[in-house]
Amino acid sequence: MSGAVKLSSRAEKYYQKLPKKIRMKVWEELKALESLPFPIQHRDVQPLVGDFKGFYRLRIGGYRIIFSMIEEEKIIAVVNLHLRGDVHKK
């Protein structure tokens, strides 16, 4: 795919509040994800089910990034970023 990562306003706000070390790790993983030809085949990406079908989660340590793929525009749309266990509650 080799596209761009776009963060929702909610994900961007949470990202900016992260400690610098974690923010850098998240940034590195998102950049690695966008450089892959098929981002959903990344080893830490899993498809979501139920009400969240069509979305994927990327695991980065104790954090989870929820995103969807907009293949026509080659965009990885990050809709949520949160600690594990809290990601679906917000």
PDB file of N, CA and C in Angstrom:
ATOM      1  N   MET A   1       0.826  -1.193   0.000  1.00  0.00           N
ATOM      2  CA  MET A   1       0.000   0.000   0.000  1.00  0.00           C
ATOM      3  C   MET A   1       0.869   1.256   0.000  1.00  0.00           C
ATOM      4  N   SER A   2       1.830   1.319   0.881  1.00  0.00           N
ATOM      5  CA  SER A   2       2.733   2.470   0.980  1.00  0.00           C
ATOM      6  C   SER A   2       1.970   3.789   0.932  1.00  0.00           C
ATOM      7  N   GLY A   3       1.203   4.033   1.947  1.00  0.00           N
ATOM      8  CA  GLY A   3       0.398   5.243   2.010  1.00  0.00           C
ATOM      9  C   GLY A   3       0.780   6.122   3.171  1.00  0.00           C
ATOM     10  N   ALA A   4      -0.191   6.890   3.621  1.00  0.00           N
ATOM     11  CA  ALA A   4       0.042   7.840   4.708  1.00  0.00           C
ATOM     12  C   ALA A   4      -0.820   7.482   5.908  1.00  0.00           C
ATOM     13  N   VAL A   5      -0.332   7.819   7.085  1.00  0.00           N
ATOM     14  CA  VAL A   5      -1.088   7.627   8.319  1.00  0.00           C
ATOM     15  C   VAL A   5      -1.753   8.952   8.674  1.00  0.00           C
ATOM     16  N   LYS A   6      -3.048   8.916   8.926  1.00  0.00           N
ATOM     17  CA  LYS A   6      -3.801  10.096   9.353  1.00  0.00           C
ATOM     18  C   LYS A   6      -4.432   9.784  10.701  1.00  0.00           C
ATOM     19  N   LEU A   7      -4.247  10.679  11.673  1.00  0.00           N
ATOM     20  CA  LEU A   7      -4.815  10.491  13.004  1.00  0.00           C
ATOM     21  C   LEU A   7      -6.077  11.324  13.159  1.00  0.00           C
ATOM     22  N   SER A   8      -7.097  10.725  13.786  1.00  0.00           N
ATOM     23  CA  SER A   8      -8.298  11.491  14.103  1.00  0.00           C
ATOM     24  C   SER A   8      -7.941  12.521  15.167  1.00  0.00           C
ATOM     25  N   SER A   9      -8.805  13.475  15.396  1.00  0.00           N
ATOM     26  CA  SER A   9      -8.513  14.495  16.414  1.00  0.00           C
ATOM     27  C   SER A   9      -8.389  13.862  17.794  1.00  0.00           C
ATOM     28  N   ARG A  10      -9.190  12.845  18.080  1.00  0.00           N
ATOM     29  CA  ARG A  10      -9.120  12.146  19.370  1.00  0.00           C
ATOM     30  C   ARG A  10      -7.780  11.437  19.532  1.00  0.00           C
ATOM     31  N   ALA A  11      -7.360  10.719  18.488  1.00  0.00           N
ATOM     32  CA  ALA A  11      -6.091   9.996  18.538  1.00  0.00           C
ATOM     33  C   ALA A  11      -4.918  10.976  18.632  1.00  0.00           C
ATOM     34  N   GLU A  12      -4.988  12.075  17.903  1.00  0.00           N
ATOM     35  CA  GLU A  12      -3.921  13.087  17.927  1.00  0.00           C
ATOM     36  C   GLU A  12      -3.798  13.703  19.324  1.00  0.00           C
ATOM     37  N   LYS A  13      -4.919  14.001  19.935  1.00  0.00           N
ATOM     38  CA  LYS A  13      -4.923  14.600  21.283  1.00  0.00           C
ATOM     39  C   LYS A  13      -4.277  13.642  22.287  1.00  0.00           C
ATOM     40  N   TYR A  14      -4.649  12.371  22.230  1.00  0.00           N
ATOM     41  CA  TYR A  14      -4.087  11.383  23.148  1.00  0.00           C
ATOM     42  C   TYR A  14      -2.599  11.184  22.865  1.00  0.00           C
ATOM     43  N   TYR A  15      -2.235  11.142  21.599  1.00  0.00           N
ATOM     44  CA  TYR A  15      -0.841  10.965  21.192  1.00  0.00           C
ATOM     45  C   TYR A  15       0.036  12.081  21.774  1.00  0.00           C
ATOM     46  N   GLN A  16      -0.429  13.298  21.706  1.00  0.00           N
ATOM     47  CA  GLN A  16       0.348  14.439  22.202  1.00  0.00           C
ATOM     48  C   GLN A  16       0.565  14.392  23.711  1.00  0.00           C
ATOM     49  N   LYS A  17      -0.308  13.712  24.434  1.00  0.00           N
ATOM     50  CA  LYS A  17      -0.195  13.615  25.893  1.00  0.00           C
ATOM     51  C   LYS A  17       0.689  12.463  26.360  1.00  0.00           C
ATOM     52  N   LEU A  18       1.088  11.590  25.436  1.00  0.00           N
ATOM     53  CA  LEU A  18       1.922  10.440  25.795  1.00  0.00           C
ATOM     54  C   LEU A  18       3.313  10.898  26.230  1.00  0.00           C
ATOM     55  N   PRO A  19       3.957  10.138  27.110  1.00  0.00           N
ATOM     56  CA  PRO A  19       5.364  10.425  27.429  1.00  0.00           C
ATOM     57  C   PRO A  19       6.209  10.326  26.157  1.00  0.00           C
ATOM     58  N   LYS A  20       7.260  11.108  26.089  1.00  0.00           N
ATOM     59  CA  LYS A  20       8.071  11.203  24.879  1.00  0.00           C
ATOM     60  C   LYS A  20       8.562   9.847  24.386  1.00  0.00           C
ATOM     61  N   LYS A  21       9.028   8.990  25.299  1.00  0.00           N
ATOM     62  CA  LYS A  21       9.554   7.679  24.904  1.00  0.00           C
ATOM     63  C   LYS A  21       8.479   6.833  24.213  1.00  0.00           C
ATOM     64  N   ILE A  22       7.285   6.839  24.758  1.00  0.00           N
ATOM     65  CA  ILE A  22       6.181   6.058  24.178  1.00  0.00           C
ATOM     66  C   ILE A  22       5.734   6.700  22.870  1.00  0.00           C
ATOM     67  N   ARG A  23       5.682   8.032  22.842  1.00  0.00           N
ATOM     68  CA  ARG A  23       5.296   8.736  21.621  1.00  0.00           C
ATOM     69  C   ARG A  23       6.241   8.385  20.475  1.00  0.00           C
ATOM     70  N   MET A  24       7.526   8.304  20.757  1.00  0.00           N
ATOM     71  CA  MET A  24       8.502   7.950  19.727  1.00  0.00           C
ATOM     72  C   MET A  24       8.300   6.514  19.240  1.00  0.00           C
ATOM     73  N   LYS A  25       8.005   5.595  20.147  1.00  0.00           N
ATOM     74  CA  LYS A  25       7.765   4.192  19.779  1.00  0.00           C
ATOM     75  C   LYS A  25       6.513   4.082  18.894  1.00  0.00           C
ATOM     76  N   VAL A  26       5.457   4.789  19.281  1.00  0.00           N
ATOM     77  CA  VAL A  26       4.222   4.782  18.484  1.00  0.00           C
ATOM     78  C   VAL A  26       4.514   5.344  17.094  1.00  0.00           C
ATOM     79  N   TRP A  27       5.249   6.445  17.038  1.00  0.00           N
ATOM     80  CA  TRP A  27       5.590   7.062  15.758  1.00  0.00           C
ATOM     81  C   TRP A  27       6.367   6.093  14.865  1.00  0.00           C
ATOM     82  N   GLU A  28       7.362   5.418  15.447  1.00  0.00           N
ATOM     83  CA  GLU A  28       8.160   4.460  14.679  1.00  0.00           C
ATOM     84  C   GLU A  28       7.303   3.327  14.125  1.00  0.00           C
ATOM     85  N   GLU A  29       6.398   2.811  14.953  1.00  0.00           N
ATOM     86  CA  GLU A  29       5.543   1.705  14.510  1.00  0.00           C
ATOM     87  C   GLU A  29       4.561   2.148  13.432  1.00  0.00           C
ATOM     88  N   LEU A  30       4.028   3.358  13.550  1.00  0.00           N
ATOM     89  CA  LEU A  30       3.112   3.864  12.522  1.00  0.00           C
ATOM     90  C   LEU A  30       3.852   4.086  11.204  1.00  0.00           C
ATOM     91  N   LYS A  31       5.063   4.581  11.271  1.00  0.00           N
ATOM     92  CA  LYS A  31       5.863   4.772  10.060  1.00  0.00           C
ATOM     93  C   LYS A  31       6.201   3.426   9.411  1.00  0.00           C
ATOM     94  N   ALA A  32       6.512   2.439  10.242  1.00  0.00           N
ATOM     95  CA  ALA A  32       6.791   1.095   9.713  1.00  0.00           C
ATOM     96  C   ALA A  32       5.543   0.522   9.054  1.00  0.00           C
ATOM     97  N   LEU A  33       4.392   0.750   9.672  1.00  0.00           N
ATOM     98  CA  LEU A  33       3.126   0.247   9.141  1.00  0.00           C
ATOM     99  C   LEU A  33       2.816   0.866   7.784  1.00  0.00           C
ATOM    100  N   GLU A  34       3.018   2.174   7.665  1.00  0.00           N
ATOM    101  CA  GLU A  34       2.678   2.830   6.404  1.00  0.00           C
ATOM    102  C   GLU A  34       3.640   2.471   5.281  1.00  0.00           C
ATOM    103  N   SER A  35       4.809   1.974   5.599  1.00  0.00           N
ATOM    104  CA  SER A  35       5.770   1.611   4.552  1.00  0.00           C
ATOM    105  C   SER A  35       5.550   0.204   3.999  1.00  0.00           C
ATOM    106  N   LEU A  36       4.707  -0.568   4.678  1.00  0.00           N
ATOM    107  CA  LEU A  36       4.447  -1.936   4.233  1.00  0.00           C
ATOM    108  C   LEU A  36       3.491  -1.958   3.049  1.00  0.00           C
ATOM    109  N   PRO A  37       3.687  -2.889   2.099  1.00  0.00           N
ATOM    110  CA  PRO A  37       2.752  -2.997   0.982  1.00  0.00           C
ATOM    111  C   PRO A  37       1.359  -3.455   1.434  1.00  0.00           C
ATOM    112  N   PHE A  38       1.293  -4.271   2.482  1.00  0.00           N
ATOM    113  CA  PHE A  38       0.026  -4.746   3.030  1.00  0.00           C
ATOM    114  C   PHE A  38       0.056  -4.564   4.552  1.00  0.00           C
ATOM    115  N   PRO A  39      -0.280  -3.370   5.056  1.00  0.00           N
ATOM    116  CA  PRO A  39      -0.168  -3.085   6.490  1.00  0.00           C
ATOM    117  C   PRO A  39      -0.933  -4.046   7.397  1.00  0.00           C
ATOM    118  N   ILE A  40      -2.026  -4.607   6.911  1.00  0.00           N
ATOM    119  CA  ILE A  40      -2.808  -5.495   7.778  1.00  0.00           C
ATOM    120  C   ILE A  40      -2.125  -6.842   7.981  1.00  0.00           C
ATOM    121  N   GLN A  41      -1.018  -7.081   7.283  1.00  0.00           N
ATOM    122  CA  GLN A  41      -0.265  -8.314   7.484  1.00  0.00           C
ATOM    123  C   GLN A  41       0.887  -8.137   8.472  1.00  0.00           C
ATOM    124  N   HIS A  42       0.986  -6.965   9.071  1.00  0.00           N
ATOM    125  CA  HIS A  42       1.997  -6.701  10.106  1.00  0.00           C
ATOM    126  C   HIS A  42       1.785  -7.697  11.244  1.00  0.00           C
ATOM    127  N   ARG A  43       2.845  -8.146  11.865  1.00  0.00           N
ATOM    128  CA  ARG A  43       2.760  -9.193  12.894  1.00  0.00           C
ATOM    129  C   ARG A  43       1.922  -8.789  14.112  1.00  0.00           C
ATOM    130  N   ASP A  44       1.787  -7.507  14.403  1.00  0.00           N
ATOM    131  CA  ASP A  44       1.039  -7.054  15.569  1.00  0.00           C
ATOM    132  C   ASP A  44      -0.331  -6.479  15.219  1.00  0.00           C
ATOM    133  N   VAL A  45      -0.793  -6.705  14.006  1.00  0.00           N
ATOM    134  CA  VAL A  45      -2.114  -6.213  13.570  1.00  0.00           C
ATOM    135  C   VAL A  45      -3.104  -7.363  13.580  1.00  0.00           C
ATOM    136  N   GLN A  46      -4.264  -7.116  14.148  1.00  0.00           N
ATOM    137  CA  GLN A  46      -5.351  -8.105  14.168  1.00  0.00           C
ATOM    138  C   GLN A  46      -6.647  -7.432  13.730  1.00  0.00           C
ATOM    139  N   PRO A  47      -7.479  -8.122  12.956  1.00  0.00           N
ATOM    140  CA  PRO A  47      -8.783  -7.553  12.604  1.00  0.00           C
ATOM    141  C   PRO A  47      -9.711  -7.596  13.811  1.00  0.00           C
ATOM    142  N   LEU A  48     -10.577  -6.606  13.919  1.00  0.00           N
ATOM    143  CA  LEU A  48     -11.555  -6.578  14.997  1.00  0.00           C
ATOM    144  C   LEU A  48     -12.848  -7.226  14.513  1.00  0.00           C
ATOM    145  N   VAL A  49     -13.681  -7.630  15.436  1.00  0.00           N
ATOM    146  CA  VAL A  49     -14.922  -8.328  15.109  1.00  0.00           C
ATOM    147  C   VAL A  49     -16.112  -7.608  15.734  1.00  0.00           C
ATOM    148  N   GLY A  50     -17.298  -8.093  15.418  1.00  0.00           N
ATOM    149  CA  GLY A  50     -18.517  -7.530  15.993  1.00  0.00           C
ATOM    150  C   GLY A  50     -18.788  -6.128  15.486  1.00  0.00           C
ATOM    151  N   ASP A  51     -19.092  -5.224  16.419  1.00  0.00           N
ATOM    152  CA  ASP A  51     -19.395  -3.840  16.056  1.00  0.00           C
ATOM    153  C   ASP A  51     -18.208  -3.137  15.409  1.00  0.00           C
ATOM    154  N   PHE A  52     -17.022  -3.669  15.588  1.00  0.00           N
ATOM    155  CA  PHE A  52     -15.805  -3.036  15.084  1.00  0.00           C
ATOM    156  C   PHE A  52     -15.269  -3.712  13.818  1.00  0.00           C
ATOM    157  N   LYS A  53     -16.095  -4.540  13.197  1.00  0.00           N
ATOM    158  CA  LYS A  53     -15.678  -5.215  11.962  1.00  0.00           C
ATOM    159  C   LYS A  53     -15.303  -4.164  10.920  1.00  0.00           C
ATOM    160  N   GLY A  54     -14.192  -4.400  10.221  1.00  0.00           N
ATOM    161  CA  GLY A  54     -13.695  -3.443   9.245  1.00  0.00           C
ATOM    162  C   GLY A  54     -12.565  -2.589   9.801  1.00  0.00           C
ATOM    163  N   PHE A  55     -12.351  -2.697  11.115  1.00  0.00           N
ATOM    164  CA  PHE A  55     -11.254  -1.988  11.767  1.00  0.00           C
ATOM    165  C   PHE A  55     -10.196  -3.000  12.187  1.00  0.00           C
ATOM    166  N   TYR A  56      -9.012  -2.487  12.460  1.00  0.00           N
ATOM    167  CA  TYR A  56      -7.887  -3.319  12.878  1.00  0.00           C
ATOM    168  C   TYR A  56      -7.266  -2.703  14.115  1.00  0.00           C
ATOM    169  N   ARG A  57      -6.537  -3.539  14.866  1.00  0.00           N
ATOM    170  CA  ARG A  57      -5.809  -2.997  16.010  1.00  0.00           C
ATOM    171  C   ARG A  57      -4.339  -3.343  15.851  1.00  0.00           C
ATOM    172  N   LEU A  58      -3.520  -2.375  16.202  1.00  0.00           N
ATOM    173  CA  LEU A  58      -2.072  -2.542  16.218  1.00  0.00           C
ATOM    174  C   LEU A  58      -1.639  -2.504  17.667  1.00  0.00           C
ATOM    175  N   ARG A  59      -0.947  -3.533  18.099  1.00  0.00           N
ATOM    176  CA  ARG A  59      -0.471  -3.624  19.481  1.00  0.00           C
ATOM    177  C   ARG A  59       0.929  -3.047  19.554  1.00  0.00           C
ATOM    178  N   ILE A  60       1.107  -2.108  20.462  1.00  0.00           N
ATOM    179  CA  ILE A  60       2.428  -1.527  20.731  1.00  0.00           C
ATOM    180  C   ILE A  60       2.584  -1.534  22.245  1.00  0.00           C
ATOM    181  N   GLY A  61       3.210  -2.590  22.756  1.00  0.00           N
ATOM    182  CA  GLY A  61       3.353  -2.728  24.206  1.00  0.00           C
ATOM    183  C   GLY A  61       1.984  -2.790  24.859  1.00  0.00           C
ATOM    184  N   GLY A  62       1.743  -1.914  25.824  1.00  0.00           N
ATOM    185  CA  GLY A  62       0.454  -1.867  26.512  1.00  0.00           C
ATOM    186  C   GLY A  62      -0.567  -0.985  25.823  1.00  0.00           C
ATOM    187  N   TYR A  63      -0.217  -0.427  24.678  1.00  0.00           N
ATOM    188  CA  TYR A  63      -1.111   0.471  23.951  1.00  0.00           C
ATOM    189  C   TYR A  63      -1.719  -0.231  22.747  1.00  0.00           C
ATOM    190  N   ARG A  64      -2.894   0.239  22.354  1.00  0.00           N
ATOM    191  CA  ARG A  64      -3.581  -0.290  21.189  1.00  0.00           C
ATOM    192  C   ARG A  64      -3.966   0.873  20.287  1.00  0.00           C
ATOM    193  N   ILE A  65      -3.727   0.685  19.009  1.00  0.00           N
ATOM    194  CA  ILE A  65      -4.119   1.663  18.009  1.00  0.00           C
ATOM    195  C   ILE A  65      -5.203   1.020  17.163  1.00  0.00           C
ATOM    196  N   ILE A  66      -6.345   1.680  17.083  1.00  0.00           N
ATOM    197  CA  ILE A  66      -7.450   1.194  16.261  1.00  0.00           C
ATOM    198  C   ILE A  66      -7.446   2.011  14.972  1.00  0.00           C
ATOM    199  N   PHE A  67      -7.442   1.303  13.831  1.00  0.00           N
ATOM    200  CA  PHE A  67      -7.388   2.002  12.550  1.00  0.00           C
ATOM    201  C   PHE A  67      -8.209   1.275  11.506  1.00  0.00           C
ATOM    202  N   SER A  68      -8.477   1.983  10.426  1.00  0.00           N
ATOM    203  CA  SER A  68      -9.119   1.376   9.261  1.00  0.00           C
ATOM    204  C   SER A  68      -8.281   1.724   8.043  1.00  0.00           C
ATOM    205  N   MET A  69      -8.513   0.999   6.987  1.00  0.00           N
ATOM    206  CA  MET A  69      -7.762   1.196   5.750  1.00  0.00           C
ATOM    207  C   MET A  69      -8.674   1.872   4.727  1.00  0.00           C
ATOM    208  N   ILE A  70      -8.195   2.945   4.135  1.00  0.00           N
ATOM    209  CA  ILE A  70      -8.891   3.592   3.029  1.00  0.00           C
ATOM    210  C   ILE A  70      -8.002   3.351   1.811  1.00  0.00           C
ATOM    211  N   GLU A  71      -8.226   2.216   1.177  1.00  0.00           N
ATOM    212  CA  GLU A  71      -7.321   1.750   0.134  1.00  0.00           C
ATOM    213  C   GLU A  71      -7.328   2.636  -1.114  1.00  0.00           C
ATOM    214  N   GLU A  72      -8.494   3.207  -1.457  1.00  0.00           N
ATOM    215  CA  GLU A  72      -8.554   4.052  -2.649  1.00  0.00           C
ATOM    216  C   GLU A  72      -7.612   5.250  -2.530  1.00  0.00           C
ATOM    217  N   GLU A  73      -7.500   5.780  -1.313  1.00  0.00           N
ATOM    218  CA  GLU A  73      -6.668   6.958  -1.081  1.00  0.00           C
ATOM    219  C   GLU A  73      -5.321   6.599  -0.449  1.00  0.00           C
ATOM    220  N   LYS A  74      -5.106   5.308  -0.219  1.00  0.00           N
ATOM    221  CA  LYS A  74      -3.872   4.812   0.399  1.00  0.00           C
ATOM    222  C   LYS A  74      -3.617   5.489   1.751  1.00  0.00           C
ATOM    223  N   ILE A  75      -4.642   5.441   2.600  1.00  0.00           N
ATOM    224  CA  ILE A  75      -4.556   6.069   3.919  1.00  0.00           C
ATOM    225  C   ILE A  75      -4.823   5.033   4.999  1.00  0.00           C
ATOM    226  N   ILE A  76      -4.015   5.096   6.052  1.00  0.00           N
ATOM    227  CA  ILE A  76      -4.262   4.336   7.273  1.00  0.00           C
ATOM    228  C   ILE A  76      -4.868   5.335   8.241  1.00  0.00           C
ATOM    229  N   ALA A  77      -6.167   5.207   8.491  1.00  0.00           N
ATOM    230  CA  ALA A  77      -6.902   6.165   9.311  1.00  0.00           C
ATOM    231  C   ALA A  77      -6.955   5.689  10.760  1.00  0.00           C
ATOM    232  N   VAL A  78      -6.157   6.312  11.613  1.00  0.00           N
ATOM    233  CA  VAL A  78      -6.126   5.963  13.037  1.00  0.00           C
ATOM    234  C   VAL A  78      -7.295   6.672  13.715  1.00  0.00           C
ATOM    235  N   VAL A  79      -8.217   5.881  14.269  1.00  0.00           N
ATOM    236  CA  VAL A  79      -9.395   6.465  14.911  1.00  0.00           C
ATOM    237  C   VAL A  79      -9.292   6.507  16.425  1.00  0.00           C
ATOM    238  N   ASN A  80      -8.434   5.658  17.008  1.00  0.00           N
ATOM    239  CA  ASN A  80      -8.294   5.655  18.460  1.00  0.00           C
ATOM    240  C   ASN A  80      -6.918   5.128  18.845  1.00  0.00           C
ATOM    241  N   LEU A  81      -6.408   5.655  19.936  1.00  0.00           N
ATOM    242  CA  LEU A  81      -5.123   5.253  20.498  1.00  0.00           C
ATOM    243  C   LEU A  81      -5.297   5.326  21.999  1.00  0.00           C
ATOM    244  N   HIS A  82      -5.065   4.205  22.678  1.00  0.00           N
ATOM    245  CA  HIS A  82      -5.287   4.182  24.118  1.00  0.00           C
ATOM    246  C   HIS A  82      -4.575   3.007  24.753  1.00  0.00           C
ATOM    247  N   LEU A  83      -4.562   3.023  26.070  1.00  0.00           N
ATOM    248  CA  LEU A  83      -4.041   1.889  26.812  1.00  0.00           C
ATOM    249  C   LEU A  83      -4.910   0.658  26.583  1.00  0.00           C
ATOM    250  N   ARG A  84      -4.310  -0.498  26.613  1.00  0.00           N
ATOM    251  CA  ARG A  84      -5.037  -1.749  26.466  1.00  0.00           C
ATOM    252  C   ARG A  84      -6.155  -1.811  27.497  1.00  0.00           C
ATOM    253  N   GLY A  85      -7.319  -2.239  27.103  1.00  0.00           N
ATOM    254  CA  GLY A  85      -8.455  -2.340  28.012  1.00  0.00           C
ATOM    255  C   GLY A  85      -9.325  -1.089  27.992  1.00  0.00           C
ATOM    256  N   ASP A  86      -8.755   0.057  27.685  1.00  0.00           N
ATOM    257  CA  ASP A  86      -9.519   1.308  27.640  1.00  0.00           C
ATOM    258  C   ASP A  86      -9.901   1.712  26.221  1.00  0.00           C
ATOM    259  N   VAL A  87      -9.317   1.063  25.239  1.00  0.00           N
ATOM    260  CA  VAL A  87      -9.440   1.521  23.860  1.00  0.00           C
ATOM    261  C   VAL A  87     -10.873   1.485  23.330  1.00  0.00           C
ATOM    262  N   HIS A  88     -11.690   0.535  23.727  1.00  0.00           N
ATOM    263  CA  HIS A  88     -13.062   0.447  23.216  1.00  0.00           C
ATOM    264  C   HIS A  88     -14.045   1.255  24.046  1.00  0.00           C
ATOM    265  N   LYS A  89     -13.630   1.717  25.207  1.00  0.00           N
ATOM    266  CA  LYS A  89     -14.547   2.411  26.114  1.00  0.00           C
ATOM    267  C   LYS A  89     -14.692   3.889  25.806  1.00  0.00           C
ATOM    268  N   LYS A  90     -13.780   4.451  25.065  1.00  0.00           N
ATOM    269  CA  LYS A  90     -13.778   5.906  24.843  1.00  0.00           C
ATOM    270  C   LYS A  90     -14.581   6.295  23.631  1.00  0.00           C
TER     271      LYS A  90
END
